């Protein structure tokens, strides 16, 4: 049974989260993509590789924290 407060459903196979369940989850994914694109524009990876890597690491950490907070419990799943 899914909780209506969850934004992200756990993947059926493997570890992590799949597609969002709510518009808030989709908004988080869209914001992540926009911010990654803005980071690539601000710090072109071919010229500022360390700055781009640092910004990408920070953005991904924030995304994972939001998924962990508003998603199903992460654990390894075998599709059962």
N, C-alpha and C. Protein backbone atom coordinates (compact mmCIF):
# COMPACT_ATOMS: atom_id res chain seq x y z
N UNK A 1 0.84 -1.17 0.00
CA UNK A 1 0.00 0.00 0.00
C UNK A 1 0.89 1.23 0.00
N UNK A 2 0.58 2.22 -0.84
CA UNK A 2 1.38 3.43 -0.89
C UNK A 2 0.76 4.51 -0.01
N UNK A 3 1.62 5.28 0.57
CA UNK A 3 1.21 6.38 1.42
C UNK A 3 0.98 7.60 0.54
N UNK A 4 -0.13 8.29 0.72
CA UNK A 4 -0.45 9.43 -0.15
C UNK A 4 0.52 10.59 0.06
N UNK A 5 1.27 10.57 1.14
CA UNK A 5 2.24 11.64 1.38
C UNK A 5 3.55 11.40 0.64
N UNK A 6 3.75 10.24 0.06
CA UNK A 6 4.99 9.91 -0.63
C UNK A 6 5.04 10.60 -1.99
N UNK A 7 6.20 11.13 -2.32
CA UNK A 7 6.39 11.75 -3.62
C UNK A 7 7.06 10.79 -4.60
N UNK A 8 7.83 9.83 -4.07
CA UNK A 8 8.60 8.92 -4.90
C UNK A 8 8.36 7.48 -4.47
N UNK A 9 8.09 6.61 -5.44
CA UNK A 9 7.89 5.19 -5.17
C UNK A 9 9.22 4.48 -5.37
N UNK A 10 9.46 3.48 -4.55
CA UNK A 10 10.68 2.69 -4.68
C UNK A 10 10.64 1.88 -5.97
N UNK A 11 11.81 1.63 -6.54
CA UNK A 11 11.90 0.81 -7.74
C UNK A 11 11.48 -0.62 -7.42
N UNK A 12 10.97 -1.33 -8.41
CA UNK A 12 10.57 -2.72 -8.23
C UNK A 12 11.78 -3.62 -8.12
N UNK A 13 12.80 -3.36 -8.91
CA UNK A 13 14.03 -4.14 -8.90
C UNK A 13 15.19 -3.21 -8.57
N UNK A 14 16.05 -3.64 -7.66
CA UNK A 14 17.22 -2.84 -7.32
C UNK A 14 16.97 -1.94 -6.13
N UNK A 15 17.84 -0.93 -6.01
CA UNK A 15 17.79 0.00 -4.90
C UNK A 15 17.52 1.41 -5.42
N UNK A 16 16.68 2.15 -4.75
CA UNK A 16 16.45 3.54 -5.14
C UNK A 16 15.01 3.82 -5.46
N UNK A 17 14.79 4.92 -6.15
CA UNK A 17 13.45 5.38 -6.45
C UNK A 17 13.26 5.48 -7.95
N UNK A 18 12.03 5.28 -8.37
CA UNK A 18 11.69 5.36 -9.77
C UNK A 18 10.95 6.65 -10.08
N UNK A 19 10.02 6.60 -11.01
CA UNK A 19 9.26 7.80 -11.37
C UNK A 19 8.48 8.35 -10.17
N UNK A 20 8.27 9.65 -10.21
CA UNK A 20 7.56 10.32 -9.12
C UNK A 20 6.09 9.92 -9.10
N UNK A 21 5.49 10.00 -7.91
CA UNK A 21 4.07 9.68 -7.74
C UNK A 21 3.20 10.93 -7.79
N UNK A 22 3.77 12.08 -7.47
CA UNK A 22 2.99 13.32 -7.36
C UNK A 22 3.61 14.42 -8.19
N UNK A 23 2.87 15.50 -8.34
CA UNK A 23 3.40 16.63 -9.09
C UNK A 23 4.60 17.25 -8.37
N UNK A 24 4.63 17.15 -7.04
CA UNK A 24 5.77 17.69 -6.30
C UNK A 24 7.05 16.91 -6.64
N UNK A 25 6.92 15.61 -6.77
CA UNK A 25 8.07 14.80 -7.15
C UNK A 25 8.57 15.13 -8.54
N UNK A 26 7.62 15.31 -9.47
CA UNK A 26 8.01 15.68 -10.83
C UNK A 26 8.65 17.06 -10.86
N UNK A 27 8.18 17.96 -10.00
CA UNK A 27 8.78 19.28 -9.90
C UNK A 27 10.22 19.20 -9.38
N UNK A 28 10.47 18.31 -8.43
CA UNK A 28 11.82 18.12 -7.93
C UNK A 28 12.73 17.60 -9.04
N UNK A 29 12.25 16.61 -9.80
CA UNK A 29 13.05 16.08 -10.91
C UNK A 29 13.32 17.17 -11.96
N UNK A 30 12.30 17.97 -12.30
CA UNK A 30 12.47 19.03 -13.29
C UNK A 30 13.46 20.08 -12.79
N UNK A 31 13.35 20.46 -11.52
CA UNK A 31 14.28 21.45 -10.96
C UNK A 31 15.71 20.92 -10.99
N UNK A 32 15.87 19.64 -10.69
CA UNK A 32 17.20 19.02 -10.74
C UNK A 32 17.78 19.12 -12.15
N UNK A 33 16.99 18.77 -13.14
CA UNK A 33 17.48 18.83 -14.53
C UNK A 33 17.82 20.26 -14.96
N UNK A 34 16.98 21.21 -14.59
CA UNK A 34 17.23 22.61 -14.94
C UNK A 34 18.52 23.09 -14.25
N UNK A 35 18.68 22.74 -12.99
CA UNK A 35 19.89 23.18 -12.27
C UNK A 35 21.16 22.50 -12.79
N UNK A 36 21.06 21.25 -13.22
CA UNK A 36 22.22 20.59 -13.83
C UNK A 36 22.58 21.29 -15.15
N UNK A 37 21.57 21.63 -15.95
CA UNK A 37 21.82 22.34 -17.20
C UNK A 37 22.42 23.73 -16.93
N UNK A 38 21.91 24.42 -15.92
CA UNK A 38 22.46 25.73 -15.57
C UNK A 38 23.90 25.61 -15.08
N UNK A 39 24.18 24.56 -14.34
CA UNK A 39 25.54 24.32 -13.87
C UNK A 39 26.48 24.04 -15.04
N UNK A 40 26.01 23.28 -16.01
CA UNK A 40 26.82 22.98 -17.20
C UNK A 40 27.06 24.24 -18.02
N UNK A 41 26.07 25.14 -18.04
CA UNK A 41 26.24 26.40 -18.77
C UNK A 41 27.21 27.33 -18.04
N UNK A 42 27.10 27.35 -16.72
CA UNK A 42 27.96 28.23 -15.91
C UNK A 42 29.37 27.69 -15.83
N UNK A 43 29.52 26.40 -15.65
CA UNK A 43 30.82 25.74 -15.55
C UNK A 43 30.94 24.67 -16.63
N UNK A 44 31.28 25.06 -17.85
CA UNK A 44 31.40 24.05 -18.92
C UNK A 44 32.36 22.93 -18.48
N UNK A 45 31.90 21.69 -18.56
CA UNK A 45 32.71 20.56 -18.06
C UNK A 45 34.08 20.45 -18.72
N UNK A 46 34.21 20.88 -19.96
CA UNK A 46 35.50 20.77 -20.63
C UNK A 46 36.49 21.82 -20.13
N UNK A 47 35.99 22.91 -19.56
CA UNK A 47 36.86 23.99 -19.10
C UNK A 47 37.00 24.04 -17.58
N UNK A 48 35.89 23.84 -16.88
CA UNK A 48 35.88 23.91 -15.42
C UNK A 48 35.40 22.57 -14.85
N UNK A 49 36.15 21.53 -15.09
CA UNK A 49 35.68 20.20 -14.74
C UNK A 49 35.47 20.02 -13.23
N UNK A 50 36.37 20.56 -12.41
CA UNK A 50 36.22 20.38 -10.96
C UNK A 50 35.02 21.16 -10.43
N UNK A 51 34.80 22.37 -10.91
CA UNK A 51 33.65 23.16 -10.45
C UNK A 51 32.34 22.49 -10.89
N UNK A 52 32.31 21.99 -12.12
CA UNK A 52 31.11 21.30 -12.59
C UNK A 52 30.87 20.03 -11.77
N UNK A 53 31.92 19.26 -11.52
CA UNK A 53 31.79 18.04 -10.72
C UNK A 53 31.30 18.36 -9.31
N UNK A 54 31.82 19.41 -8.71
CA UNK A 54 31.41 19.79 -7.35
C UNK A 54 29.94 20.21 -7.33
N UNK A 55 29.52 21.00 -8.32
CA UNK A 55 28.11 21.42 -8.36
C UNK A 55 27.20 20.24 -8.63
N UNK A 56 27.60 19.34 -9.50
CA UNK A 56 26.80 18.15 -9.80
C UNK A 56 26.70 17.25 -8.57
N UNK A 57 27.78 17.12 -7.83
CA UNK A 57 27.77 16.32 -6.61
C UNK A 57 26.82 16.92 -5.58
N UNK A 58 26.86 18.23 -5.42
CA UNK A 58 25.97 18.89 -4.47
C UNK A 58 24.51 18.78 -4.87
N UNK A 59 24.21 18.99 -6.14
CA UNK A 59 22.83 18.88 -6.62
C UNK A 59 22.30 17.46 -6.45
N UNK A 60 23.13 16.48 -6.75
CA UNK A 60 22.71 15.08 -6.61
C UNK A 60 22.50 14.72 -5.15
N UNK A 61 23.34 15.24 -4.27
CA UNK A 61 23.16 14.99 -2.84
C UNK A 61 21.84 15.56 -2.34
N UNK A 62 21.50 16.75 -2.80
CA UNK A 62 20.22 17.36 -2.41
C UNK A 62 19.06 16.53 -2.96
N UNK A 63 19.16 16.07 -4.22
CA UNK A 63 18.11 15.23 -4.80
C UNK A 63 17.93 13.94 -3.99
N UNK A 64 19.02 13.29 -3.63
CA UNK A 64 18.93 12.06 -2.85
C UNK A 64 18.32 12.30 -1.48
N UNK A 65 18.67 13.41 -0.85
CA UNK A 65 18.08 13.74 0.46
C UNK A 65 16.57 13.94 0.35
N UNK A 66 16.13 14.62 -0.70
CA UNK A 66 14.69 14.83 -0.89
C UNK A 66 13.99 13.50 -1.17
N UNK A 67 14.58 12.67 -2.01
CA UNK A 67 13.99 11.35 -2.30
C UNK A 67 13.92 10.51 -1.04
N UNK A 68 14.95 10.54 -0.23
CA UNK A 68 14.98 9.76 1.01
C UNK A 68 13.90 10.26 1.97
N UNK A 69 13.75 11.58 2.05
CA UNK A 69 12.79 12.19 2.97
C UNK A 69 11.35 11.97 2.53
N UNK A 70 11.05 12.14 1.23
CA UNK A 70 9.68 12.10 0.74
C UNK A 70 9.34 10.84 -0.06
N UNK A 71 10.22 9.83 -0.03
CA UNK A 71 9.96 8.61 -0.79
C UNK A 71 9.82 7.39 0.11
N UNK A 72 9.52 6.26 -0.54
CA UNK A 72 9.46 5.00 0.20
C UNK A 72 10.84 4.66 0.74
N UNK A 73 10.84 3.78 1.75
CA UNK A 73 12.11 3.37 2.35
C UNK A 73 13.01 2.72 1.31
N UNK A 74 14.26 3.18 1.20
CA UNK A 74 15.16 2.56 0.22
C UNK A 74 15.71 1.24 0.76
N UNK A 75 15.59 0.21 -0.03
CA UNK A 75 16.17 -1.09 0.29
C UNK A 75 16.25 -1.88 -1.01
N UNK A 76 17.05 -2.91 -0.99
CA UNK A 76 17.19 -3.73 -2.18
C UNK A 76 15.90 -4.50 -2.42
N UNK A 77 15.38 -4.46 -3.63
CA UNK A 77 14.13 -5.15 -3.97
C UNK A 77 14.39 -6.11 -5.13
N UNK A 78 13.72 -7.25 -5.05
CA UNK A 78 13.87 -8.29 -6.06
C UNK A 78 12.64 -8.42 -6.93
N UNK A 79 11.72 -7.49 -6.86
CA UNK A 79 10.54 -7.53 -7.72
C UNK A 79 9.38 -8.30 -7.14
N UNK A 80 9.41 -8.61 -5.89
CA UNK A 80 8.32 -9.35 -5.26
C UNK A 80 7.38 -8.42 -4.55
